[in-house]
Amino acid sequence: MEGLQMQLQKWTHNFKPEKDIPIAPMWILLPGFPFHMNSWHYVKKIVSSIGTPLSMDVATNGRTRPSMDKVRVEIDSHLENVWEGLEYEASPLRG
């Protein structure tokens, strides 16, 4: 407004307007996610290691895009990386 930048941030009890809050929602893509596991129950378990699961997109929820799941997750922006995958070496999906 009037040349000033406005940002929406999650409210916290120790809110200070001069400090950025490192929590932000972002979309996580899960390409090749097994179609039979395409439900909020399973997707929530997978992405909970990254952050707080918020919602699935319309195509994922309606199962109209079987090639990829897309879920919105609230994450701490200080997070550098997360590895998800199978532990055994012969797995075709390494992570």
N, C-alpha and C. Protein backbone atom coordinates (compact mmCIF):
# COMPACT_ATOMS: atom_id res chain seq x y z
N MET A 1 0.84 -1.17 0.00
CA MET A 1 0.00 0.00 0.00
C MET A 1 0.89 1.23 0.00
N GLU A 2 0.61 2.12 -0.91
CA GLU A 2 1.35 3.36 -1.06
C GLU A 2 2.86 3.12 -1.15
N GLY A 3 3.25 2.09 -1.94
CA GLY A 3 4.67 1.81 -2.16
C GLY A 3 5.33 0.96 -1.09
N LEU A 4 4.57 0.55 -0.08
CA LEU A 4 5.12 -0.30 0.98
C LEU A 4 4.72 -1.74 0.74
N GLN A 5 5.58 -2.66 1.11
CA GLN A 5 5.32 -4.08 0.93
C GLN A 5 4.52 -4.61 2.11
N MET A 6 3.53 -5.45 1.82
CA MET A 6 2.73 -6.06 2.87
C MET A 6 2.87 -7.57 2.77
N GLN A 7 3.10 -8.22 3.90
CA GLN A 7 3.24 -9.68 3.93
C GLN A 7 2.28 -10.26 4.94
N LEU A 8 1.72 -11.42 4.61
CA LEU A 8 0.89 -12.16 5.55
C LEU A 8 1.76 -13.24 6.17
N GLN A 9 1.70 -13.36 7.48
CA GLN A 9 2.48 -14.36 8.17
C GLN A 9 1.61 -15.07 9.19
N LYS A 10 2.01 -16.27 9.54
CA LYS A 10 1.31 -17.02 10.56
C LYS A 10 1.48 -16.31 11.90
N TRP A 11 0.39 -16.23 12.65
CA TRP A 11 0.45 -15.56 13.95
C TRP A 11 1.10 -16.48 14.96
N THR A 12 1.95 -15.92 15.81
CA THR A 12 2.54 -16.63 16.94
C THR A 12 2.38 -15.77 18.18
N HIS A 13 2.47 -16.37 19.34
CA HIS A 13 2.29 -15.62 20.59
C HIS A 13 3.40 -14.61 20.83
N ASN A 14 4.58 -14.83 20.26
CA ASN A 14 5.70 -13.90 20.45
C ASN A 14 5.97 -13.11 19.16
N PHE A 15 4.92 -12.73 18.46
CA PHE A 15 5.02 -12.01 17.20
C PHE A 15 5.74 -10.68 17.37
N LYS A 16 6.71 -10.43 16.47
CA LYS A 16 7.41 -9.15 16.41
C LYS A 16 7.37 -8.72 14.94
N PRO A 17 6.72 -7.59 14.63
CA PRO A 17 6.56 -7.19 13.24
C PRO A 17 7.86 -6.95 12.49
N GLU A 18 8.92 -6.67 13.18
CA GLU A 18 10.20 -6.41 12.52
C GLU A 18 10.96 -7.69 12.17
N LYS A 19 10.51 -8.84 12.65
CA LYS A 19 11.18 -10.11 12.36
C LYS A 19 10.34 -10.97 11.42
N ASP A 20 11.00 -11.62 10.48
CA ASP A 20 10.33 -12.57 9.60
C ASP A 20 10.08 -13.87 10.35
N ILE A 21 8.94 -14.46 10.10
CA ILE A 21 8.63 -15.77 10.67
C ILE A 21 9.05 -16.81 9.63
N PRO A 22 9.85 -17.79 10.02
CA PRO A 22 10.39 -18.74 9.03
C PRO A 22 9.42 -19.84 8.62
N ILE A 23 8.15 -19.73 8.96
CA ILE A 23 7.17 -20.75 8.61
C ILE A 23 6.38 -20.30 7.39
N ALA A 24 6.31 -21.17 6.38
CA ALA A 24 5.60 -20.81 5.15
C ALA A 24 4.97 -22.05 4.54
N PRO A 25 3.79 -21.89 3.88
CA PRO A 25 3.21 -23.03 3.17
C PRO A 25 3.86 -23.19 1.80
N MET A 26 4.07 -24.42 1.38
CA MET A 26 4.58 -24.67 0.03
C MET A 26 4.02 -25.98 -0.48
N TRP A 27 4.01 -26.12 -1.82
CA TRP A 27 3.52 -27.33 -2.45
C TRP A 27 4.64 -28.36 -2.56
N ILE A 28 4.36 -29.57 -2.17
CA ILE A 28 5.29 -30.69 -2.28
C ILE A 28 4.74 -31.63 -3.36
N LEU A 29 5.59 -32.01 -4.31
CA LEU A 29 5.20 -32.92 -5.38
C LEU A 29 5.70 -34.33 -5.07
N LEU A 30 4.86 -35.30 -5.27
CA LEU A 30 5.21 -36.71 -5.05
C LEU A 30 5.01 -37.47 -6.35
N PRO A 31 5.98 -37.37 -7.28
CA PRO A 31 5.83 -38.08 -8.56
C PRO A 31 5.94 -39.58 -8.37
N GLY A 32 5.09 -40.31 -9.09
CA GLY A 32 5.14 -41.77 -9.03
C GLY A 32 4.60 -42.35 -7.73
N PHE A 33 3.86 -41.57 -6.96
CA PHE A 33 3.28 -42.07 -5.71
C PHE A 33 2.27 -43.16 -6.05
N PRO A 34 2.31 -44.32 -5.40
CA PRO A 34 1.40 -45.43 -5.74
C PRO A 34 -0.07 -45.00 -5.68
N PHE A 35 -0.80 -45.30 -6.75
CA PHE A 35 -2.18 -44.85 -6.86
C PHE A 35 -3.06 -45.39 -5.74
N HIS A 36 -2.81 -46.61 -5.30
CA HIS A 36 -3.64 -47.19 -4.24
C HIS A 36 -3.41 -46.52 -2.89
N MET A 37 -2.35 -45.72 -2.78
CA MET A 37 -2.06 -44.99 -1.53
C MET A 37 -2.45 -43.52 -1.65
N ASN A 38 -3.16 -43.18 -2.70
CA ASN A 38 -3.54 -41.80 -2.96
C ASN A 38 -4.72 -41.39 -2.09
N SER A 39 -4.49 -41.26 -0.79
CA SER A 39 -5.52 -40.79 0.13
C SER A 39 -4.84 -39.91 1.17
N TRP A 40 -5.62 -39.08 1.81
CA TRP A 40 -5.08 -38.14 2.80
C TRP A 40 -4.34 -38.89 3.91
N HIS A 41 -4.83 -40.04 4.29
CA HIS A 41 -4.21 -40.83 5.35
C HIS A 41 -2.74 -41.15 5.04
N TYR A 42 -2.46 -41.64 3.85
CA TYR A 42 -1.09 -42.00 3.48
C TYR A 42 -0.23 -40.79 3.13
N VAL A 43 -0.79 -39.87 2.37
CA VAL A 43 -0.03 -38.69 1.95
C VAL A 43 0.40 -37.89 3.18
N LYS A 44 -0.49 -37.76 4.14
CA LYS A 44 -0.19 -37.03 5.37
C LYS A 44 0.99 -37.66 6.12
N LYS A 45 1.04 -38.97 6.16
CA LYS A 45 2.14 -39.65 6.85
C LYS A 45 3.47 -39.40 6.15
N ILE A 46 3.47 -39.39 4.83
CA ILE A 46 4.70 -39.19 4.06
C ILE A 46 5.23 -37.77 4.26
N VAL A 47 4.38 -36.76 4.10
CA VAL A 47 4.86 -35.37 4.14
C VAL A 47 5.02 -34.82 5.55
N SER A 48 4.57 -35.54 6.57
CA SER A 48 4.71 -35.04 7.94
C SER A 48 6.17 -34.97 8.37
N SER A 49 7.07 -35.69 7.69
CA SER A 49 8.50 -35.57 8.01
C SER A 49 9.07 -34.25 7.50
N ILE A 50 8.38 -33.60 6.59
CA ILE A 50 8.82 -32.33 6.03
C ILE A 50 8.25 -31.16 6.82
N GLY A 51 7.00 -31.28 7.21
CA GLY A 51 6.33 -30.20 7.94
C GLY A 51 4.91 -30.61 8.29
N THR A 52 4.06 -29.62 8.53
CA THR A 52 2.68 -29.87 8.89
C THR A 52 1.82 -29.97 7.64
N PRO A 53 1.23 -31.14 7.35
CA PRO A 53 0.39 -31.27 6.16
C PRO A 53 -0.86 -30.40 6.27
N LEU A 54 -1.17 -29.66 5.19
CA LEU A 54 -2.33 -28.77 5.20
C LEU A 54 -3.46 -29.30 4.32
N SER A 55 -3.17 -29.61 3.05
CA SER A 55 -4.22 -30.09 2.15
C SER A 55 -3.62 -30.67 0.88
N MET A 56 -4.43 -31.46 0.17
CA MET A 56 -4.05 -31.96 -1.14
C MET A 56 -4.69 -31.05 -2.19
N ASP A 57 -4.10 -30.97 -3.38
CA ASP A 57 -4.72 -30.18 -4.43
C ASP A 57 -5.94 -30.93 -4.98
N VAL A 58 -6.74 -30.24 -5.79
CA VAL A 58 -8.00 -30.78 -6.29
C VAL A 58 -7.78 -32.05 -7.11
N ALA A 59 -6.77 -32.06 -7.99
CA ALA A 59 -6.52 -33.23 -8.84
C ALA A 59 -6.07 -34.43 -8.01
N THR A 60 -5.27 -34.22 -7.00
CA THR A 60 -4.83 -35.31 -6.13
C THR A 60 -6.00 -35.85 -5.33
N ASN A 61 -6.78 -34.95 -4.77
CA ASN A 61 -7.93 -35.35 -3.97
C ASN A 61 -8.97 -36.08 -4.80
N GLY A 62 -9.16 -35.65 -6.05
CA GLY A 62 -10.13 -36.29 -6.93
C GLY A 62 -9.58 -37.48 -7.70
N ARG A 63 -8.29 -37.77 -7.51
CA ARG A 63 -7.61 -38.89 -8.19
C ARG A 63 -7.70 -38.79 -9.71
N THR A 64 -7.59 -37.56 -10.23
CA THR A 64 -7.65 -37.36 -11.69
C THR A 64 -6.27 -37.22 -12.30
N ARG A 65 -5.21 -37.19 -11.50
CA ARG A 65 -3.85 -37.13 -12.01
C ARG A 65 -3.05 -38.25 -11.32
N PRO A 66 -3.07 -39.46 -11.89
CA PRO A 66 -2.43 -40.59 -11.23
C PRO A 66 -0.90 -40.55 -11.25
N SER A 67 -0.30 -39.67 -12.05
CA SER A 67 1.16 -39.66 -12.17
C SER A 67 1.85 -38.93 -11.02
N MET A 68 1.14 -38.10 -10.28
CA MET A 68 1.79 -37.31 -9.24
C MET A 68 0.78 -36.83 -8.21
N ASP A 69 1.17 -36.88 -6.95
CA ASP A 69 0.38 -36.26 -5.89
C ASP A 69 0.98 -34.90 -5.57
N LYS A 70 0.13 -33.98 -5.20
CA LYS A 70 0.57 -32.63 -4.86
C LYS A 70 -0.11 -32.25 -3.54
N VAL A 71 0.70 -31.90 -2.55
CA VAL A 71 0.16 -31.60 -1.23
C VAL A 71 0.80 -30.33 -0.68
N ARG A 72 0.00 -29.51 -0.02
CA ARG A 72 0.51 -28.27 0.58
C ARG A 72 0.93 -28.56 2.01
N VAL A 73 2.14 -28.13 2.34
CA VAL A 73 2.73 -28.41 3.63
C VAL A 73 3.27 -27.11 4.22
N GLU A 74 3.06 -26.92 5.50
CA GLU A 74 3.62 -25.77 6.20
C GLU A 74 5.00 -26.17 6.70
N ILE A 75 6.03 -25.47 6.24
CA ILE A 75 7.39 -25.85 6.60
C ILE A 75 8.13 -24.70 7.26
N ASP A 76 9.18 -25.06 7.95
CA ASP A 76 10.11 -24.08 8.49
C ASP A 76 11.10 -23.79 7.36
N SER A 77 11.18 -22.54 6.93
CA SER A 77 12.01 -22.21 5.77
C SER A 77 13.50 -22.38 6.03
N HIS A 78 13.89 -22.69 7.25
CA HIS A 78 15.30 -22.97 7.54
C HIS A 78 15.67 -24.41 7.19
N LEU A 79 14.67 -25.22 6.84
CA LEU A 79 14.89 -26.61 6.46
C LEU A 79 15.71 -26.66 5.18
N GLU A 80 16.83 -27.39 5.18
CA GLU A 80 17.69 -27.44 4.00
C GLU A 80 17.35 -28.58 3.07
N ASN A 81 17.12 -29.78 3.59
CA ASN A 81 16.75 -30.89 2.73
C ASN A 81 16.11 -32.00 3.55
N VAL A 82 15.36 -32.83 2.85
CA VAL A 82 14.69 -33.99 3.45
C VAL A 82 14.84 -35.13 2.45
N TRP A 83 15.17 -36.32 2.93
CA TRP A 83 15.26 -37.48 2.06
C TRP A 83 14.10 -38.40 2.37
N GLU A 84 13.37 -38.79 1.33
CA GLU A 84 12.29 -39.77 1.45
C GLU A 84 12.59 -40.87 0.45
N GLY A 85 12.50 -42.10 0.84
CA GLY A 85 12.72 -43.18 -0.09
C GLY A 85 12.82 -44.52 0.61
N LEU A 86 13.14 -45.54 -0.16
CA LEU A 86 13.29 -46.87 0.38
C LEU A 86 14.74 -47.09 0.79
N GLU A 87 14.94 -47.86 1.83
CA GLU A 87 16.28 -48.02 2.38
C GLU A 87 17.14 -49.07 1.68
N TYR A 88 16.53 -50.07 1.07
CA TYR A 88 17.36 -51.11 0.47
C TYR A 88 17.89 -50.67 -0.88
N GLU A 89 19.11 -51.10 -1.19
CA GLU A 89 19.86 -50.59 -2.33
C GLU A 89 19.29 -51.00 -3.69
N ALA A 90 18.64 -52.15 -3.80
CA ALA A 90 18.14 -52.62 -5.09
C ALA A 90 16.81 -51.94 -5.49
N SER A 91 16.34 -51.04 -4.68
CA SER A 91 15.08 -50.37 -4.96
C SER A 91 15.15 -49.52 -6.23
N PRO A 92 14.15 -49.63 -7.12
CA PRO A 92 14.13 -48.79 -8.32
C PRO A 92 13.85 -47.32 -7.98
N LEU A 93 13.20 -47.08 -6.85
CA LEU A 93 12.94 -45.71 -6.40
C LEU A 93 13.90 -45.40 -5.27
N ARG A 94 15.00 -44.76 -5.55
CA ARG A 94 16.05 -44.56 -4.56
C ARG A 94 15.72 -43.45 -3.56
N GLY A 95 14.89 -42.50 -3.90
CA GLY A 95 14.59 -41.42 -2.95
C GLY A 95 14.02 -40.22 -3.65
